[in-house]
Amino acid sequence: MNVTQAESLRRAIENLVDAKLHDILSHPGGLDRLAAHRRTGVASYDIRMAERKLDQAISEVVTHEATMSVAG
């Protein structure tokens, strides 16, 4: 994993944490919302987008690592 990919992965993780914290703190019953998301997978738009960005970052790292192992 190169530095750029590590940085992208770190930013995506931080973005997801921030989205979840914002959701918890800015809505009544925020902790219950987070627990419901864990049980059902239903989340706010911001959390879904942050999860999608994290999935993309992970996919890029995995694809790069797979390419490097085949080439090496």
C-alpha atoms as a PDB file:
ATOM      1  CA  MET A   1       0.000   0.000   0.000  1.00  0.00           C
ATOM      2  CA  ASN A   2       1.446   3.357  -0.941  1.00  0.00           C
ATOM      3  CA  VAL A   3       1.183   6.613   1.004  1.00  0.00           C
ATOM      4  CA  THR A   4      -1.573   8.041  -1.197  1.00  0.00           C
ATOM      5  CA  GLN A   5      -3.762   4.973  -0.715  1.00  0.00           C
ATOM      6  CA  ALA A   6      -3.147   4.960   3.033  1.00  0.00           C
ATOM      7  CA  GLU A   7      -4.101   8.628   3.222  1.00  0.00           C
ATOM      8  CA  SER A   8      -7.241   8.026   1.167  1.00  0.00           C
ATOM      9  CA  LEU A   9      -8.227   5.137   3.411  1.00  0.00           C
ATOM     10  CA  ARG A  10      -7.585   7.201   6.554  1.00  0.00           C
ATOM     11  CA  ARG A  11      -9.703  10.092   5.232  1.00  0.00           C
ATOM     12  CA  ALA A  12     -12.558   7.748   4.311  1.00  0.00           C
ATOM     13  CA  ILE A  13     -12.541   6.205   7.802  1.00  0.00           C
ATOM     14  CA  GLU A  14     -12.468   9.629   9.438  1.00  0.00           C
ATOM     15  CA  ASN A  15     -15.308  10.807   7.193  1.00  0.00           C
ATOM     16  CA  LEU A  16     -17.463   7.844   8.257  1.00  0.00           C
ATOM     17  CA  VAL A  17     -16.713   8.422  11.943  1.00  0.00           C
ATOM     18  CA  ASP A  18     -17.508  12.129  11.550  1.00  0.00           C
ATOM     19  CA  ALA A  19     -20.791  11.371   9.753  1.00  0.00           C
ATOM     20  CA  LYS A  20     -21.861   8.998  12.512  1.00  0.00           C
ATOM     21  CA  LEU A  21     -20.866  11.426  15.280  1.00  0.00           C
ATOM     22  CA  HIS A  22     -22.705  14.252  13.566  1.00  0.00           C
ATOM     23  CA  ASP A  23     -25.813  12.087  13.218  1.00  0.00           C
ATOM     24  CA  ILE A  24     -25.671  11.077  16.900  1.00  0.00           C
ATOM     25  CA  LEU A  25     -25.146  14.610  18.179  1.00  0.00           C
ATOM     26  CA  SER A  26     -27.444  16.544  15.868  1.00  0.00           C
ATOM     27  CA  HIS A  27     -30.621  14.460  16.037  1.00  0.00           C
ATOM     28  CA  PRO A  28     -32.839  13.625  18.985  1.00  0.00           C
ATOM     29  CA  GLY A  29     -32.382   9.966  19.843  1.00  0.00           C
ATOM     30  CA  GLY A  30     -29.118   9.893  17.909  1.00  0.00           C
ATOM     31  CA  LEU A  31     -27.697   6.966  19.830  1.00  0.00           C
ATOM     32  CA  ASP A  32     -30.867   4.980  19.151  1.00  0.00           C
ATOM     33  CA  ARG A  33     -30.524   5.880  15.446  1.00  0.00           C
ATOM     34  CA  LEU A  34     -26.982   4.512  15.434  1.00  0.00           C
ATOM     35  CA  ALA A  35     -28.077   1.311  17.171  1.00  0.00           C
ATOM     36  CA  ALA A  36     -30.934   0.920  14.667  1.00  0.00           C
ATOM     37  CA  HIS A  37     -28.463   1.362  11.819  1.00  0.00           C
ATOM     38  CA  ARG A  38     -26.302  -1.435  13.259  1.00  0.00           C
ATOM     39  CA  ARG A  39     -29.326  -3.744  13.460  1.00  0.00           C
ATOM     40  CA  THR A  40     -31.103  -2.912  10.203  1.00  0.00           C
ATOM     41  CA  GLY A  41     -28.521  -1.306   7.927  1.00  0.00           C
ATOM     42  CA  VAL A  42     -30.797   1.712   7.409  1.00  0.00           C
ATOM     43  CA  ALA A  43     -28.851   4.944   7.811  1.00  0.00           C
ATOM     44  CA  SER A  44     -28.970   8.607   6.921  1.00  0.00           C
ATOM     45  CA  TYR A  45     -27.852   9.773   3.503  1.00  0.00           C
ATOM     46  CA  ASP A  46     -24.586  11.199   4.874  1.00  0.00           C
ATOM     47  CA  ILE A  47     -23.672   7.922   6.568  1.00  0.00           C
ATOM     48  CA  ARG A  48     -24.512   5.907   3.453  1.00  0.00           C
ATOM     49  CA  MET A  49     -22.321   8.185   1.312  1.00  0.00           C
ATOM     50  CA  ALA A  50     -19.449   7.949   3.816  1.00  0.00           C
ATOM     51  CA  GLU A  51     -19.773   4.155   3.807  1.00  0.00           C
ATOM     52  CA  ARG A  52     -19.719   4.161   0.002  1.00  0.00           C
ATOM     53  CA  LYS A  53     -16.520   6.260  -0.037  1.00  0.00           C
ATOM     54  CA  LEU A  54     -14.891   3.878   2.435  1.00  0.00           C
ATOM     55  CA  ASP A  55     -15.907   0.895   0.286  1.00  0.00           C
ATOM     56  CA  GLN A  56     -14.347   2.604  -2.736  1.00  0.00           C
ATOM     57  CA  ALA A  57     -11.110   3.334  -0.872  1.00  0.00           C
ATOM     58  CA  ILE A  58     -10.867  -0.280   0.312  1.00  0.00           C
ATOM     59  CA  SER A  59     -11.590  -1.541  -3.191  1.00  0.00           C
ATOM     60  CA  GLU A  60      -8.794   0.613  -4.626  1.00  0.00           C
ATOM     61  CA  VAL A  61      -6.308  -0.724  -2.065  1.00  0.00           C
ATOM     62  CA  VAL A  62      -7.324  -4.348  -2.646  1.00  0.00           C
ATOM     63  CA  THR A  63      -7.185  -3.946  -6.423  1.00  0.00           C
ATOM     64  CA  HIS A  64      -3.755  -2.340  -6.211  1.00  0.00           C
ATOM     65  CA  GLU A  65      -2.435  -5.061  -3.896  1.00  0.00           C
ATOM     66  CA  ALA A  66      -3.810  -7.801  -6.158  1.00  0.00           C
ATOM     67  CA  THR A  67      -2.203  -6.161  -9.200  1.00  0.00           C
ATOM     68  CA  MET A  68       1.115  -5.844  -7.390  1.00  0.00           C
ATOM     69  CA  SER A  69       1.101  -9.484  -6.281  1.00  0.00           C
ATOM     70  CA  VAL A  70       0.406 -10.709  -9.830  1.00  0.00           C
ATOM     71  CA  ALA A  71       3.077  -8.436 -11.316  1.00  0.00           C
ATOM     72  CA  GLY A  72       5.648  -9.209  -8.643  1.00  0.00           C
END
